[in-house]
């Protein structure tokens, strides 16, 4: 599931735990979930592993994002 769906399902307290386990902040996760930042493949994998360990749910921070075929980074959407 994407970041917003995951966040809505587990709530802010569990999300804070997942962020800490992944080595990130809750504030940065909110930027990712709301599309203001893009996660690298490695960073997304850390979050996915932490989410699976703590909740048993599959989190994909890159779901619904356009990914650059050269570097694997999420492409920022212009507004």
C-alpha atoms as a PDB file:
ATOM      1  CA  UNK A   1       0.000   0.000   0.000  1.00  0.00           C
ATOM      2  CA  UNK A   2       1.134   3.563  -0.512  1.00  0.00           C
ATOM      3  CA  UNK A   3       2.305   5.850   2.286  1.00  0.00           C
ATOM      4  CA  UNK A   4      -1.018   7.651   2.852  1.00  0.00           C
ATOM      5  CA  UNK A   5      -2.986   4.397   3.003  1.00  0.00           C
ATOM      6  CA  UNK A   6      -0.473   2.901   5.434  1.00  0.00           C
ATOM      7  CA  UNK A   7      -0.484   6.022   7.623  1.00  0.00           C
ATOM      8  CA  UNK A   8      -4.292   6.019   7.718  1.00  0.00           C
ATOM      9  CA  UNK A   9      -4.421   2.352   8.654  1.00  0.00           C
ATOM     10  CA  UNK A  10      -1.823   2.328  11.445  1.00  0.00           C
ATOM     11  CA  UNK A  11      -2.248   5.837  12.853  1.00  0.00           C
ATOM     12  CA  UNK A  12       0.311   8.401  13.978  1.00  0.00           C
ATOM     13  CA  UNK A  13       1.709   6.597  17.038  1.00  0.00           C
ATOM     14  CA  UNK A  14       2.611   3.412  15.157  1.00  0.00           C
ATOM     15  CA  UNK A  15       3.855   5.535  12.258  1.00  0.00           C
ATOM     16  CA  UNK A  16       6.252   7.295  14.624  1.00  0.00           C
ATOM     17  CA  UNK A  17       7.576   3.887  15.724  1.00  0.00           C
ATOM     18  CA  UNK A  18       8.061   2.790  12.107  1.00  0.00           C
ATOM     19  CA  UNK A  19       9.910   6.038  11.358  1.00  0.00           C
ATOM     20  CA  UNK A  20      12.228   5.569  14.318  1.00  0.00           C
ATOM     21  CA  UNK A  21      12.891   1.952  13.322  1.00  0.00           C
ATOM     22  CA  UNK A  22      13.693   3.094   9.766  1.00  0.00           C
ATOM     23  CA  UNK A  23      16.038   5.806  11.056  1.00  0.00           C
ATOM     24  CA  UNK A  24      13.901   8.729   9.954  1.00  0.00           C
ATOM     25  CA  UNK A  25      11.582  11.340  11.420  1.00  0.00           C
ATOM     26  CA  UNK A  26       7.813  11.469  11.423  1.00  0.00           C
ATOM     27  CA  UNK A  27       8.001  14.921   9.808  1.00  0.00           C
ATOM     28  CA  UNK A  28      10.006  13.584   6.881  1.00  0.00           C
ATOM     29  CA  UNK A  29       7.567  10.695   6.456  1.00  0.00           C
ATOM     30  CA  UNK A  30       4.713  13.221   6.229  1.00  0.00           C
ATOM     31  CA  UNK A  31       6.573  15.008   3.410  1.00  0.00           C
ATOM     32  CA  UNK A  32       6.937  11.683   1.589  1.00  0.00           C
ATOM     33  CA  UNK A  33       3.317  10.655   2.163  1.00  0.00           C
ATOM     34  CA  UNK A  34       1.990  13.985   0.904  1.00  0.00           C
ATOM     35  CA  UNK A  35       4.159  13.923  -2.217  1.00  0.00           C
ATOM     36  CA  UNK A  36       6.422  16.828  -1.248  1.00  0.00           C
ATOM     37  CA  UNK A  37       9.520  14.611  -1.324  1.00  0.00           C
ATOM     38  CA  UNK A  38      10.487  11.414  -3.092  1.00  0.00           C
ATOM     39  CA  UNK A  39      12.193   8.438  -1.464  1.00  0.00           C
ATOM     40  CA  UNK A  40      15.264   6.759  -2.895  1.00  0.00           C
ATOM     41  CA  UNK A  41      15.047   3.030  -3.502  1.00  0.00           C
ATOM     42  CA  UNK A  42      17.272   2.310  -0.493  1.00  0.00           C
ATOM     43  CA  UNK A  43      15.293   4.622   1.799  1.00  0.00           C
ATOM     44  CA  UNK A  44      11.978   3.135   0.648  1.00  0.00           C
ATOM     45  CA  UNK A  45      13.343  -0.356   1.339  1.00  0.00           C
ATOM     46  CA  UNK A  46      14.343   0.639   4.897  1.00  0.00           C
ATOM     47  CA  UNK A  47      10.847   1.959   5.543  1.00  0.00           C
ATOM     48  CA  UNK A  48       9.245  -1.157   4.012  1.00  0.00           C
ATOM     49  CA  UNK A  49      11.358  -3.453   6.188  1.00  0.00           C
ATOM     50  CA  UNK A  50      10.560  -1.467   9.351  1.00  0.00           C
ATOM     51  CA  UNK A  51       6.848  -1.416   8.499  1.00  0.00           C
ATOM     52  CA  UNK A  52       6.804  -5.169   7.906  1.00  0.00           C
ATOM     53  CA  UNK A  53       8.674  -5.899  11.161  1.00  0.00           C
ATOM     54  CA  UNK A  54       6.439  -3.706  13.301  1.00  0.00           C
ATOM     55  CA  UNK A  55       3.036  -4.098  11.652  1.00  0.00           C
ATOM     56  CA  UNK A  56       3.142  -7.003   9.202  1.00  0.00           C
ATOM     57  CA  UNK A  57       1.866  -4.622   6.515  1.00  0.00           C
ATOM     58  CA  UNK A  58       3.451  -3.967   3.122  1.00  0.00           C
ATOM     59  CA  UNK A  59       4.463  -0.315   2.659  1.00  0.00           C
ATOM     60  CA  UNK A  60       5.686   1.023  -0.686  1.00  0.00           C
ATOM     61  CA  UNK A  61       6.838   4.645  -0.439  1.00  0.00           C
ATOM     62  CA  UNK A  62       7.370   4.725  -4.180  1.00  0.00           C
ATOM     63  CA  UNK A  63       3.881   3.492  -5.141  1.00  0.00           C
ATOM     64  CA  UNK A  64       2.204   5.831  -7.579  1.00  0.00           C
ATOM     65  CA  UNK A  65       5.405   7.796  -8.187  1.00  0.00           C
ATOM     66  CA  UNK A  66       7.212   8.099 -11.490  1.00  0.00           C
ATOM     67  CA  UNK A  67      10.698   6.590 -11.152  1.00  0.00           C
ATOM     68  CA  UNK A  68      13.734   7.697 -13.185  1.00  0.00           C
ATOM     69  CA  UNK A  69      15.025   4.691 -15.167  1.00  0.00           C
ATOM     70  CA  UNK A  70      18.639   5.930 -14.952  1.00  0.00           C
ATOM     71  CA  UNK A  71      19.081   6.557 -11.233  1.00  0.00           C
ATOM     72  CA  UNK A  72      16.003   4.934  -9.660  1.00  0.00           C
ATOM     73  CA  UNK A  73      14.997   8.139  -7.863  1.00  0.00           C
ATOM     74  CA  UNK A  74      11.384   9.272  -7.638  1.00  0.00           C
ATOM     75  CA  UNK A  75      10.739  12.157 -10.020  1.00  0.00           C
ATOM     76  CA  UNK A  76       9.327  15.249  -8.334  1.00  0.00           C
ATOM     77  CA  UNK A  77       5.929  16.175  -9.684  1.00  0.00           C
ATOM     78  CA  UNK A  78       5.661  19.821 -10.731  1.00  0.00           C
ATOM     79  CA  UNK A  79       2.602  21.688  -9.541  1.00  0.00           C
END
